[in-house]
Amino acid sequence: MWFAMSSILRVRPTKIELIRLKRRKALAEKVHRILRERLTILVNEFLVRVREAYNLRRTVNDLIFNLYNDSVMLNSVYGEYGFQYLRSITVKELRAVIGVENIMGVKTHSAVVKHSKTIEYVYPGFDSFREEARKLIEAIIELGRAEQALMALGREIERTKRKVNALKYIIIPRLDNTIRYLNMKFEEREREEKARLKRIKSILEKRR
């Protein structure tokens, strides 16, 4: 059997090295199984997040549409300057608390919107407008979180896929080829040793 030098590892042809290679191969196969399972879980999580991001984007688009219609209606009722004034005095202060979300060992940013207490004003139409605006801001932040999680998961999937492919197509085959190569060498040595002993035995028998 012929082996290309690039398909085998450079090791000393000893029994101890053969044992080490077999252990390395067993470990590589175990790691390959674990990474393959991790890849499957990551892809499934990615698909869940894709659906989440899609739904959030639809929600954002719907809220923008509703908010635009409300602003047109309020502009017609209060006039442009009246609408801008009322919007400025009824706006709620918002702040986002940034955290970290861990998804299968993949870290990504998360955000929670906190609302400050404000004095309530009663103006027809502005309650629903302000509520729609609050929902829109929260939905945009959630969409940003979901899309960032998608990007982080996508990068991790690519990294894991490269590792799985490297183990499957490079590392494990090289270990396997090297083990077969060493076994072949040992068998060849054994045949040569048997042939040498046979010649010695033949020479000794002739001398008798």
N, C-alpha and C. Protein backbone atom coordinates (compact mmCIF):
# COMPACT_ATOMS: atom_id res chain seq x y z
N MET A 1 0.85 -1.20 0.00
CA MET A 1 0.00 0.00 0.00
C MET A 1 0.88 1.24 0.00
N TRP A 2 0.59 2.19 -0.90
CA TRP A 2 1.40 3.40 -1.03
C TRP A 2 0.70 4.57 -0.34
N PHE A 3 1.47 5.34 0.41
CA PHE A 3 0.93 6.51 1.11
C PHE A 3 1.67 7.76 0.65
N ALA A 4 0.92 8.81 0.33
CA ALA A 4 1.55 10.11 0.06
C ALA A 4 2.04 10.68 1.39
N MET A 5 3.21 11.30 1.37
CA MET A 5 3.78 11.83 2.61
C MET A 5 2.88 12.88 3.26
N SER A 6 2.10 13.59 2.44
CA SER A 6 1.20 14.61 2.99
C SER A 6 0.00 14.00 3.70
N SER A 7 -0.25 12.69 3.45
CA SER A 7 -1.42 12.04 4.05
C SER A 7 -1.09 11.33 5.35
N ILE A 8 0.19 11.33 5.75
CA ILE A 8 0.58 10.70 7.01
C ILE A 8 1.37 11.69 7.86
N LEU A 9 1.42 11.41 9.17
CA LEU A 9 2.15 12.26 10.10
C LEU A 9 3.59 11.79 10.22
N ARG A 10 4.48 12.73 10.48
CA ARG A 10 5.89 12.37 10.66
C ARG A 10 6.10 11.93 12.11
N VAL A 11 6.19 10.65 12.30
CA VAL A 11 6.38 10.08 13.64
C VAL A 11 7.43 8.98 13.58
N ARG A 12 7.97 8.66 14.73
CA ARG A 12 8.92 7.55 14.80
C ARG A 12 8.16 6.23 14.71
N PRO A 13 8.62 5.30 13.89
CA PRO A 13 7.91 4.01 13.73
C PRO A 13 8.16 3.07 14.91
N THR A 14 7.55 3.38 16.05
CA THR A 14 7.70 2.54 17.24
C THR A 14 6.32 2.12 17.74
N LYS A 15 6.32 1.05 18.52
CA LYS A 15 5.05 0.54 19.08
C LYS A 15 4.40 1.58 20.01
N ILE A 16 5.24 2.27 20.78
CA ILE A 16 4.71 3.29 21.70
C ILE A 16 4.02 4.41 20.91
N GLU A 17 4.64 4.80 19.79
CA GLU A 17 4.05 5.85 18.95
C GLU A 17 2.73 5.39 18.35
N LEU A 18 2.66 4.11 18.01
CA LEU A 18 1.42 3.55 17.47
C LEU A 18 0.29 3.61 18.50
N ILE A 19 0.61 3.30 19.75
CA ILE A 19 -0.38 3.38 20.83
C ILE A 19 -0.86 4.82 21.01
N ARG A 20 0.09 5.76 20.97
CA ARG A 20 -0.28 7.18 21.09
C ARG A 20 -1.19 7.63 19.95
N LEU A 21 -0.87 7.19 18.75
CA LEU A 21 -1.68 7.56 17.59
C LEU A 21 -3.10 7.01 17.69
N LYS A 22 -3.23 5.79 18.18
CA LYS A 22 -4.56 5.19 18.34
C LYS A 22 -5.38 5.97 19.37
N ARG A 23 -4.71 6.42 20.44
CA ARG A 23 -5.40 7.23 21.45
C ARG A 23 -5.81 8.59 20.88
N ARG A 24 -4.91 9.18 20.09
CA ARG A 24 -5.23 10.47 19.45
C ARG A 24 -6.40 10.33 18.49
N LYS A 25 -6.43 9.22 17.76
CA LYS A 25 -7.52 9.00 16.81
C LYS A 25 -8.85 8.84 17.56
N ALA A 26 -8.83 8.07 18.65
CA ALA A 26 -10.05 7.88 19.45
C ALA A 26 -10.55 9.21 20.00
N LEU A 27 -9.61 10.05 20.47
CA LEU A 27 -9.98 11.37 21.00
C LEU A 27 -10.52 12.27 19.89
N ALA A 28 -9.87 12.23 18.73
CA ALA A 28 -10.31 13.06 17.59
C ALA A 28 -11.72 12.66 17.15
N GLU A 29 -12.00 11.36 17.14
CA GLU A 29 -13.33 10.89 16.75
C GLU A 29 -14.38 11.31 17.77
N LYS A 30 -14.00 11.29 19.05
CA LYS A 30 -14.93 11.72 20.10
C LYS A 30 -15.22 13.22 19.98
N VAL A 31 -14.17 14.02 19.78
CA VAL A 31 -14.33 15.47 19.61
C VAL A 31 -15.18 15.76 18.38
N HIS A 32 -14.96 14.99 17.31
CA HIS A 32 -15.73 15.17 16.07
C HIS A 32 -17.22 14.94 16.32
N ARG A 33 -17.54 13.90 17.08
CA ARG A 33 -18.95 13.61 17.40
C ARG A 33 -19.56 14.75 18.22
N ILE A 34 -18.81 15.22 19.22
CA ILE A 34 -19.31 16.31 20.08
C ILE A 34 -19.54 17.58 19.26
N LEU A 35 -18.58 17.93 18.42
CA LEU A 35 -18.70 19.14 17.60
C LEU A 35 -19.83 19.02 16.58
N ARG A 36 -20.02 17.81 16.05
CA ARG A 36 -21.12 17.61 15.09
C ARG A 36 -22.47 17.80 15.78
N GLU A 37 -22.58 17.28 17.01
CA GLU A 37 -23.82 17.48 17.78
C GLU A 37 -24.02 18.96 18.11
N ARG A 38 -22.92 19.63 18.47
CA ARG A 38 -23.00 21.07 18.77
C ARG A 38 -23.43 21.85 17.53
N LEU A 39 -22.90 21.46 16.38
CA LEU A 39 -23.26 22.14 15.14
C LEU A 39 -24.75 22.00 14.85
N THR A 40 -25.29 20.80 15.08
CA THR A 40 -26.72 20.57 14.86
C THR A 40 -27.56 21.46 15.77
N ILE A 41 -27.16 21.54 17.05
CA ILE A 41 -27.90 22.37 18.02
C ILE A 41 -27.81 23.85 17.64
N LEU A 42 -26.61 24.29 17.22
CA LEU A 42 -26.42 25.69 16.83
C LEU A 42 -27.28 26.05 15.62
N VAL A 43 -27.33 25.15 14.64
CA VAL A 43 -28.14 25.40 13.44
C VAL A 43 -29.62 25.49 13.81
N ASN A 44 -30.08 24.58 14.68
CA ASN A 44 -31.48 24.62 15.12
C ASN A 44 -31.79 25.93 15.85
N GLU A 45 -30.86 26.35 16.72
CA GLU A 45 -31.04 27.62 17.45
C GLU A 45 -31.03 28.80 16.48
N PHE A 46 -30.18 28.72 15.47
CA PHE A 46 -30.12 29.78 14.45
C PHE A 46 -31.45 29.92 13.73
N LEU A 47 -32.06 28.78 13.38
CA LEU A 47 -33.35 28.80 12.68
C LEU A 47 -34.45 29.40 13.57
N VAL A 48 -34.40 29.07 14.87
CA VAL A 48 -35.37 29.65 15.81
C VAL A 48 -35.21 31.17 15.85
N ARG A 49 -33.95 31.63 15.90
CA ARG A 49 -33.68 33.07 15.96
C ARG A 49 -34.04 33.77 14.65
N VAL A 50 -33.93 33.05 13.53
CA VAL A 50 -34.34 33.63 12.24
C VAL A 50 -35.84 33.93 12.26
N ARG A 51 -36.60 32.96 12.76
CA ARG A 51 -38.06 33.16 12.85
C ARG A 51 -38.39 34.32 13.80
N GLU A 52 -37.66 34.38 14.93
CA GLU A 52 -37.87 35.46 15.90
C GLU A 52 -37.58 36.82 15.27
N ALA A 53 -36.45 36.93 14.56
CA ALA A 53 -36.08 38.19 13.92
C ALA A 53 -37.09 38.58 12.84
N TYR A 54 -37.57 37.58 12.11
CA TYR A 54 -38.57 37.85 11.06
C TYR A 54 -39.85 38.42 11.67
N ASN A 55 -40.32 37.79 12.75
CA ASN A 55 -41.54 38.27 13.42
C ASN A 55 -41.35 39.66 14.02
N LEU A 56 -40.17 39.90 14.59
CA LEU A 56 -39.89 41.22 15.16
C LEU A 56 -39.83 42.30 14.08
N ARG A 57 -39.26 41.96 12.93
CA ARG A 57 -39.21 42.93 11.83
C ARG A 57 -40.61 43.27 11.34
N ARG A 58 -41.47 42.26 11.28
CA ARG A 58 -42.87 42.52 10.89
C ARG A 58 -43.55 43.41 11.92
N THR A 59 -43.28 43.13 13.20
CA THR A 59 -43.86 43.96 14.27
C THR A 59 -43.40 45.41 14.16
N VAL A 60 -42.09 45.60 13.92
CA VAL A 60 -41.54 46.95 13.77
C VAL A 60 -42.20 47.67 12.60
N ASN A 61 -42.33 46.97 11.48
CA ASN A 61 -42.96 47.59 10.29
C ASN A 61 -44.41 47.98 10.57
N ASP A 62 -45.14 47.09 11.27
CA ASP A 62 -46.54 47.38 11.60
C ASP A 62 -46.64 48.59 12.53
N LEU A 63 -45.75 48.64 13.53
CA LEU A 63 -45.77 49.75 14.48
C LEU A 63 -45.41 51.08 13.80
N ILE A 64 -44.45 51.04 12.89
CA ILE A 64 -44.09 52.26 12.15
C ILE A 64 -45.29 52.75 11.34
N PHE A 65 -45.98 51.81 10.70
CA PHE A 65 -47.16 52.16 9.91
C PHE A 65 -48.24 52.78 10.80
N ASN A 66 -48.51 52.14 11.95
CA ASN A 66 -49.53 52.66 12.87
C ASN A 66 -49.15 54.03 13.43
N LEU A 67 -47.87 54.16 13.78
CA LEU A 67 -47.40 55.42 14.36
C LEU A 67 -47.48 56.55 13.33
N TYR A 68 -47.17 56.23 12.10
CA TYR A 68 -47.27 57.24 11.04
C TYR A 68 -48.72 57.70 10.86
N ASN A 69 -49.64 56.73 10.83
CA ASN A 69 -51.06 57.08 10.69
C ASN A 69 -51.55 57.93 11.86
N ASP A 70 -51.10 57.55 13.09
CA ASP A 70 -51.48 58.33 14.27
C ASP A 70 -50.94 59.76 14.20
N SER A 71 -49.68 59.89 13.75
CA SER A 71 -49.07 61.23 13.68
C SER A 71 -49.77 62.10 12.65
N VAL A 72 -50.19 61.48 11.53
CA VAL A 72 -50.94 62.24 10.51
C VAL A 72 -52.26 62.72 11.08
N MET A 73 -52.94 61.84 11.82
CA MET A 73 -54.23 62.19 12.41
C MET A 73 -54.06 63.30 13.46
N LEU A 74 -53.04 63.18 14.32
CA LEU A 74 -52.82 64.19 15.37
C LEU A 74 -52.37 65.52 14.78
N ASN A 75 -51.61 65.46 13.69
CA ASN A 75 -51.22 66.69 13.00
C ASN A 75 -52.44 67.44 12.47
N SER A 76 -53.40 66.67 11.97
CA SER A 76 -54.61 67.30 11.42
C SER A 76 -55.49 67.88 12.53
N VAL A 77 -55.43 67.28 13.73
CA VAL A 77 -56.26 67.76 14.85
C VAL A 77 -55.62 68.96 15.53
N TYR A 78 -54.30 68.88 15.86
CA TYR A 78 -53.64 69.91 16.65
C TYR A 78 -52.80 70.87 15.81
N GLY A 79 -52.61 70.53 14.54
CA GLY A 79 -51.71 71.34 13.72
C GLY A 79 -50.27 70.90 13.94
N GLU A 80 -49.40 71.26 13.02
CA GLU A 80 -48.01 70.78 13.10
C GLU A 80 -47.31 71.26 14.37
N TYR A 81 -47.41 72.56 14.68
CA TYR A 81 -46.71 73.09 15.85
C TYR A 81 -47.32 72.57 17.15
N GLY A 82 -48.64 72.47 17.17
CA GLY A 82 -49.31 71.93 18.36
C GLY A 82 -48.94 70.49 18.59
N PHE A 83 -48.86 69.73 17.52
CA PHE A 83 -48.48 68.32 17.62
C PHE A 83 -47.05 68.18 18.15
N GLN A 84 -46.12 68.97 17.60
CA GLN A 84 -44.72 68.90 18.03
C GLN A 84 -44.59 69.30 19.50
N TYR A 85 -45.35 70.32 19.92
CA TYR A 85 -45.29 70.78 21.31
C TYR A 85 -45.81 69.70 22.25
N LEU A 86 -46.99 69.16 21.92
CA LEU A 86 -47.58 68.13 22.78
C LEU A 86 -46.69 66.88 22.83
N ARG A 87 -46.06 66.56 21.72
CA ARG A 87 -45.19 65.38 21.70
C ARG A 87 -43.98 65.60 22.60
N SER A 88 -43.48 66.84 22.65
CA SER A 88 -42.30 67.12 23.47
C SER A 88 -42.60 67.09 24.96
N ILE A 89 -43.80 67.48 25.36
CA ILE A 89 -44.11 67.53 26.80
C ILE A 89 -44.70 66.23 27.31
N THR A 90 -45.05 65.33 26.40
CA THR A 90 -45.63 64.06 26.86
C THR A 90 -44.69 62.89 26.64
N VAL A 91 -43.50 63.17 26.11
CA VAL A 91 -42.56 62.08 25.85
C VAL A 91 -42.05 61.49 27.16
N LYS A 92 -41.85 60.18 27.16
CA LYS A 92 -41.30 59.50 28.33
C LYS A 92 -39.81 59.26 28.13
N GLU A 93 -39.06 59.45 29.19
CA GLU A 93 -37.63 59.18 29.11
C GLU A 93 -37.41 57.67 29.20
N LEU A 94 -36.62 57.15 28.27
CA LEU A 94 -36.33 55.72 28.24
C LEU A 94 -34.83 55.50 28.39
N ARG A 95 -34.47 54.40 28.99
CA ARG A 95 -33.06 54.02 29.02
C ARG A 95 -32.97 52.50 28.87
N ALA A 96 -31.92 52.06 28.22
CA ALA A 96 -31.73 50.63 27.98
C ALA A 96 -30.60 50.11 28.86
N VAL A 97 -30.87 49.01 29.55
CA VAL A 97 -29.86 48.36 30.37
C VAL A 97 -29.23 47.24 29.54
N ILE A 98 -27.94 47.39 29.25
CA ILE A 98 -27.24 46.44 28.38
C ILE A 98 -26.69 45.29 29.22
N GLY A 99 -26.92 44.07 28.75
CA GLY A 99 -26.40 42.88 29.41
C GLY A 99 -25.79 41.93 28.39
N VAL A 100 -25.51 40.72 28.84
CA VAL A 100 -24.92 39.70 27.97
C VAL A 100 -25.79 38.45 28.01
N GLU A 101 -26.10 37.93 26.84
CA GLU A 101 -26.88 36.69 26.73
C GLU A 101 -25.95 35.58 26.26
N ASN A 102 -26.05 34.43 26.91
CA ASN A 102 -25.21 33.28 26.55
C ASN A 102 -26.06 32.25 25.83
N ILE A 103 -25.77 32.04 24.54
CA ILE A 103 -26.52 31.07 23.73
C ILE A 103 -25.57 29.94 23.34
N MET A 104 -25.66 28.81 24.01
CA MET A 104 -24.81 27.67 23.69
C MET A 104 -23.32 28.06 23.71
N GLY A 105 -22.94 28.87 24.70
CA GLY A 105 -21.55 29.30 24.79
C GLY A 105 -21.22 30.49 23.90
N VAL A 106 -22.19 30.95 23.12
CA VAL A 106 -22.00 32.12 22.25
C VAL A 106 -22.52 33.35 22.98
N LYS A 107 -21.64 34.29 23.26
CA LYS A 107 -22.04 35.49 24.01
C LYS A 107 -22.47 36.60 23.05
N THR A 108 -23.61 37.20 23.36
CA THR A 108 -24.13 38.31 22.56
C THR A 108 -24.80 39.31 23.50
N HIS A 109 -24.93 40.55 23.05
CA HIS A 109 -25.51 41.59 23.89
C HIS A 109 -27.03 41.46 23.99
N SER A 110 -27.55 41.80 25.14
CA SER A 110 -29.00 41.89 25.34
C SER A 110 -29.31 43.26 25.92
N ALA A 111 -30.55 43.69 25.79
CA ALA A 111 -30.93 45.01 26.30
C ALA A 111 -32.35 44.97 26.85
N VAL A 112 -32.55 45.63 27.99
CA VAL A 112 -33.87 45.74 28.60
C VAL A 112 -34.20 47.22 28.72
N VAL A 113 -35.38 47.60 28.24
CA VAL A 113 -35.80 49.01 28.27
C VAL A 113 -36.40 49.34 29.63
N LYS A 114 -35.92 50.41 30.23
CA LYS A 114 -36.46 50.90 31.50
C LYS A 114 -37.18 52.23 31.25
N HIS A 115 -38.38 52.37 31.82
CA HIS A 115 -39.17 53.59 31.64
C HIS A 115 -39.11 54.43 32.91
N SER A 116 -38.90 55.71 32.74
CA SER A 116 -38.92 56.61 33.90
C SER A 116 -40.34 57.11 34.13
N LYS A 117 -40.63 57.49 35.36
CA LYS A 117 -41.96 58.02 35.68
C LYS A 117 -42.07 59.47 35.21
N THR A 118 -43.17 59.79 34.59
CA THR A 118 -43.40 61.16 34.12
C THR A 118 -44.80 61.60 34.52
N ILE A 119 -44.99 62.90 34.51
CA ILE A 119 -46.33 63.45 34.79
C ILE A 119 -47.25 63.12 33.63
N GLU A 120 -48.43 62.63 33.95
CA GLU A 120 -49.38 62.25 32.90
C GLU A 120 -50.19 63.46 32.45
N TYR A 121 -50.26 63.62 31.16
CA TYR A 121 -51.10 64.66 30.54
C TYR A 121 -52.24 63.98 29.80
N VAL A 122 -53.38 64.61 29.82
CA VAL A 122 -54.54 64.03 29.13
C VAL A 122 -54.82 64.85 27.88
N TYR A 123 -54.46 64.30 26.75
CA TYR A 123 -54.75 64.92 25.45
C TYR A 123 -55.32 63.83 24.55
N PRO A 124 -56.49 64.06 23.99
CA PRO A 124 -57.13 63.05 23.14
C PRO A 124 -56.19 62.58 22.03
N GLY A 125 -56.03 61.27 21.93
CA GLY A 125 -55.21 60.68 20.87
C GLY A 125 -53.76 60.49 21.23
N PHE A 126 -53.26 61.22 22.22
CA PHE A 126 -51.84 61.13 22.54
C PHE A 126 -51.47 59.91 23.37
N ASP A 127 -52.42 59.40 24.13
CA ASP A 127 -52.14 58.20 24.92
C ASP A 127 -51.77 57.03 24.02
N SER A 128 -52.62 56.79 23.00
CA SER A 128 -52.34 55.68 22.09
C SER A 128 -51.07 55.95 21.28
N PHE A 129 -50.83 57.20 20.90
CA PHE A 129 -49.63 57.55 20.14
C PHE A 129 -48.37 57.27 20.96
N ARG A 130 -48.41 57.69 22.24
CA ARG A 130 -47.26 57.48 23.10
C ARG A 130 -47.03 55.99 23.36
N GLU A 131 -48.12 55.24 23.51
CA GLU A 131 -48.01 53.79 23.73
C GLU A 131 -47.41 53.10 22.50
N GLU A 132 -47.86 53.51 21.30
CA GLU A 132 -47.31 52.94 20.06
C GLU A 132 -45.82 53.26 19.94
N ALA A 133 -45.45 54.50 20.32
CA ALA A 133 -44.03 54.90 20.25
C ALA A 133 -43.19 54.06 21.21
N ARG A 134 -43.73 53.82 22.40
CA ARG A 134 -43.00 52.99 23.38
C ARG A 134 -42.80 51.58 22.85
N LYS A 135 -43.87 51.01 22.28
CA LYS A 135 -43.78 49.66 21.73
C LYS A 135 -42.77 49.59 20.58
N LEU A 136 -42.75 50.65 19.77
CA LEU A 136 -41.83 50.67 18.63
C LEU A 136 -40.38 50.67 19.10
N ILE A 137 -40.08 51.51 20.09
CA ILE A 137 -38.71 51.57 20.61
C ILE A 137 -38.29 50.22 21.17
N GLU A 138 -39.17 49.60 21.95
CA GLU A 138 -38.87 48.29 22.53
C GLU A 138 -38.67 47.25 21.44
N ALA A 139 -39.53 47.29 20.40
CA ALA A 139 -39.43 46.31 19.31
C ALA A 139 -38.13 46.50 18.52
N ILE A 140 -37.72 47.75 18.31
CA ILE A 140 -36.46 48.02 17.59
C ILE A 140 -35.27 47.48 18.38
N ILE A 141 -35.28 47.70 19.70
CA ILE A 141 -34.20 47.19 20.55
C ILE A 141 -34.18 45.66 20.52
N GLU A 142 -35.36 45.05 20.60
CA GLU A 142 -35.46 43.58 20.54
C GLU A 142 -34.98 43.06 19.19
N LEU A 143 -35.33 43.77 18.13
CA LEU A 143 -34.89 43.37 16.79
C LEU A 143 -33.37 43.45 16.67
N GLY A 144 -32.79 44.51 17.22
CA GLY A 144 -31.33 44.65 17.21
C GLY A 144 -30.67 43.51 17.97
N ARG A 145 -31.25 43.16 19.13
CA ARG A 145 -30.71 42.05 19.91
C ARG A 145 -30.79 40.75 19.13
N ALA A 146 -31.95 40.50 18.49
CA ALA A 146 -32.15 39.25 17.74
C ALA A 146 -31.20 39.16 16.55
N GLU A 147 -31.00 40.28 15.85
CA GLU A 147 -30.13 40.26 14.67
C GLU A 147 -28.66 40.12 15.07
N GLN A 148 -28.28 40.71 16.20
CA GLN A 148 -26.91 40.53 16.68
C GLN A 148 -26.67 39.08 17.09
N ALA A 149 -27.68 38.48 17.73
CA ALA A 149 -27.58 37.06 18.10
C ALA A 149 -27.43 36.19 16.86
N LEU A 150 -28.17 36.54 15.80
CA LEU A 150 -28.06 35.80 14.54
C LEU A 150 -26.65 35.88 13.97
N MET A 151 -26.06 37.07 13.98
CA MET A 151 -24.70 37.23 13.45
C MET A 151 -23.69 36.44 14.28
N ALA A 152 -23.84 36.49 15.61
CA ALA A 152 -22.92 35.76 16.49
C ALA A 152 -23.06 34.25 16.29
N LEU A 153 -24.30 33.77 16.19
CA LEU A 153 -24.53 32.35 15.95
C LEU A 153 -24.00 31.93 14.58
N GLY A 154 -24.19 32.79 13.58
CA GLY A 154 -23.68 32.48 12.24
C GLY A 154 -22.17 32.33 12.23
N ARG A 155 -21.47 33.23 12.94
CA ARG A 155 -20.00 33.13 13.02
C ARG A 155 -19.58 31.85 13.73
N GLU A 156 -20.28 31.51 14.82
CA GLU A 156 -19.95 30.30 15.58
C GLU A 156 -20.22 29.05 14.76
N ILE A 157 -21.31 29.05 13.98
CA ILE A 157 -21.62 27.91 13.11
C ILE A 157 -20.51 27.71 12.09
N GLU A 158 -20.02 28.79 11.50
CA GLU A 158 -18.93 28.69 10.51
C GLU A 158 -17.67 28.16 11.16
N ARG A 159 -17.34 28.65 12.36
CA ARG A 159 -16.14 28.17 13.06
C ARG A 159 -16.26 26.69 13.38
N THR A 160 -17.42 26.30 13.91
CA THR A 160 -17.64 24.89 14.27
C THR A 160 -17.61 24.00 13.04
N LYS A 161 -18.20 24.48 11.95
CA LYS A 161 -18.22 23.71 10.70
C LYS A 161 -16.80 23.47 10.18
N ARG A 162 -15.95 24.50 10.27
CA ARG A 162 -14.55 24.35 9.83
C ARG A 162 -13.82 23.31 10.67
N LYS A 163 -14.08 23.33 11.99
CA LYS A 163 -13.44 22.34 12.87
C LYS A 163 -13.91 20.93 12.55
N VAL A 164 -15.23 20.77 12.34
CA VAL A 164 -15.80 19.46 12.01
C VAL A 164 -15.20 18.94 10.70
N ASN A 165 -15.11 19.80 9.69
CA ASN A 165 -14.56 19.39 8.40
C ASN A 165 -13.07 19.07 8.50
N ALA A 166 -12.34 19.86 9.30
CA ALA A 166 -10.90 19.60 9.47
C ALA A 166 -10.67 18.25 10.13
N LEU A 167 -11.48 17.94 11.13
CA LEU A 167 -11.37 16.63 11.79
C LEU A 167 -11.75 15.50 10.85
N LYS A 168 -12.84 15.69 10.12
CA LYS A 168 -13.37 14.62 9.25
C LYS A 168 -12.49 14.36 8.03
N TYR A 169 -12.00 15.42 7.41
CA TYR A 169 -11.32 15.27 6.12
C TYR A 169 -9.80 15.39 6.19
N ILE A 170 -9.26 15.88 7.32
CA ILE A 170 -7.80 16.04 7.39
C ILE A 170 -7.20 15.27 8.56
N ILE A 171 -7.61 15.65 9.79
CA ILE A 171 -6.94 15.11 10.98
C ILE A 171 -7.17 13.61 11.15
N ILE A 172 -8.45 13.18 11.16
CA ILE A 172 -8.74 11.75 11.37
C ILE A 172 -8.19 10.90 10.23
N PRO A 173 -8.36 11.28 8.94
CA PRO A 173 -7.75 10.48 7.86
C PRO A 173 -6.23 10.37 7.98
N ARG A 174 -5.55 11.46 8.37
CA ARG A 174 -4.09 11.39 8.52
C ARG A 174 -3.69 10.44 9.65
N LEU A 175 -4.41 10.53 10.75
CA LEU A 175 -4.13 9.60 11.86
C LEU A 175 -4.37 8.17 11.43
N ASP A 176 -5.48 7.95 10.72
CA ASP A 176 -5.82 6.60 10.25
C ASP A 176 -4.76 6.09 9.28
N ASN A 177 -4.33 6.93 8.34
CA ASN A 177 -3.30 6.54 7.37
C ASN A 177 -1.97 6.25 8.06
N THR A 178 -1.63 7.08 9.05
CA THR A 178 -0.37 6.88 9.77
C THR A 178 -0.39 5.58 10.56
N ILE A 179 -1.52 5.26 11.18
CA ILE A 179 -1.66 4.00 11.92
C ILE A 179 -1.51 2.82 10.97
N ARG A 180 -2.18 2.89 9.81
CA ARG A 180 -2.06 1.79 8.83
C ARG A 180 -0.63 1.68 8.30
N TYR A 181 0.00 2.84 8.11
CA TYR A 181 1.38 2.85 7.61
C TYR A 181 2.32 2.19 8.62
N LEU A 182 2.17 2.53 9.90
CA LEU A 182 3.02 1.92 10.94
C LEU A 182 2.75 0.43 11.06
N ASN A 183 1.48 0.04 11.00
CA ASN A 183 1.15 -1.39 11.04
C ASN A 183 1.80 -2.13 9.88
N MET A 184 1.77 -1.51 8.70
CA MET A 184 2.40 -2.11 7.53
C MET A 184 3.91 -2.24 7.74
N LYS A 185 4.53 -1.20 8.33
CA LYS A 185 5.96 -1.24 8.60
C LYS A 185 6.31 -2.36 9.58
N PHE A 186 5.49 -2.48 10.64
CA PHE A 186 5.74 -3.52 11.63
C PHE A 186 5.57 -4.91 11.03
N GLU A 187 4.56 -5.09 10.19
CA GLU A 187 4.36 -6.38 9.52
C GLU A 187 5.53 -6.70 8.59
N GLU A 188 6.02 -5.66 7.91
CA GLU A 188 7.17 -5.84 7.02
C GLU A 188 8.41 -6.24 7.81
N ARG A 189 8.62 -5.57 8.95
CA ARG A 189 9.76 -5.91 9.81
C ARG A 189 9.64 -7.34 10.33
N GLU A 190 8.40 -7.71 10.69
CA GLU A 190 8.17 -9.06 11.20
C GLU A 190 8.47 -10.11 10.14
N ARG A 191 8.06 -9.83 8.89
CA ARG A 191 8.35 -10.77 7.80
C ARG A 191 9.85 -10.87 7.55
N GLU A 192 10.52 -9.70 7.59
CA GLU A 192 11.97 -9.69 7.39
C GLU A 192 12.69 -10.44 8.50
N GLU A 193 12.20 -10.26 9.74
CA GLU A 193 12.80 -10.95 10.88
C GLU A 193 12.61 -12.46 10.77
N LYS A 194 11.40 -12.88 10.35
CA LYS A 194 11.14 -14.31 10.16
C LYS A 194 12.01 -14.89 9.06
N ALA A 195 12.16 -14.11 7.98
CA ALA A 195 13.00 -14.57 6.86
C ALA A 195 14.46 -14.67 7.31
N ARG A 196 14.92 -13.70 8.11
CA ARG A 196 16.30 -13.71 8.61
C ARG A 196 16.54 -14.90 9.52
N LEU A 197 15.58 -15.17 10.42
CA LEU A 197 15.70 -16.32 11.33
C LEU A 197 15.68 -17.63 10.56
N LYS A 198 14.88 -17.64 9.48
CA LYS A 198 14.79 -18.85 8.66
C LYS A 198 16.12 -19.12 7.97
N ARG A 199 16.77 -18.05 7.48
CA ARG A 199 18.08 -18.20 6.82
C ARG A 199 19.13 -18.67 7.81
N ILE A 200 19.10 -18.07 9.02
CA ILE A 200 20.06 -18.47 10.05
C ILE A 200 19.88 -19.93 10.41
N LYS A 201 18.61 -20.34 10.55
CA LYS A 201 18.31 -21.73 10.89
C LYS A 201 18.81 -22.66 9.80
N SER A 202 18.62 -22.22 8.53
CA SER A 202 19.06 -23.04 7.40
C SER A 202 20.57 -23.18 7.38
N ILE A 203 21.28 -22.06 7.67
CA ILE A 203 22.75 -22.09 7.68
C ILE A 203 23.25 -23.01 8.79
N LEU A 204 22.62 -22.91 9.96
CA LEU A 204 23.03 -23.74 11.10
C LEU A 204 22.81 -25.21 10.83
N GLU A 205 21.68 -25.52 10.16
CA GLU A 205 21.39 -26.92 9.84
C GLU A 205 22.39 -27.49 8.84
N LYS A 206 22.86 -26.65 7.91
CA LYS A 206 23.83 -27.11 6.91
C LYS A 206 25.19 -27.38 7.54
N ARG A 207 25.49 -26.69 8.66
CA ARG A 207 26.80 -26.86 9.31
C ARG A 207 26.87 -28.11 10.17
N ARG A 208 25.70 -28.69 10.42
CA ARG A 208 25.69 -29.89 11.26
C ARG A 208 26.24 -31.10 10.50
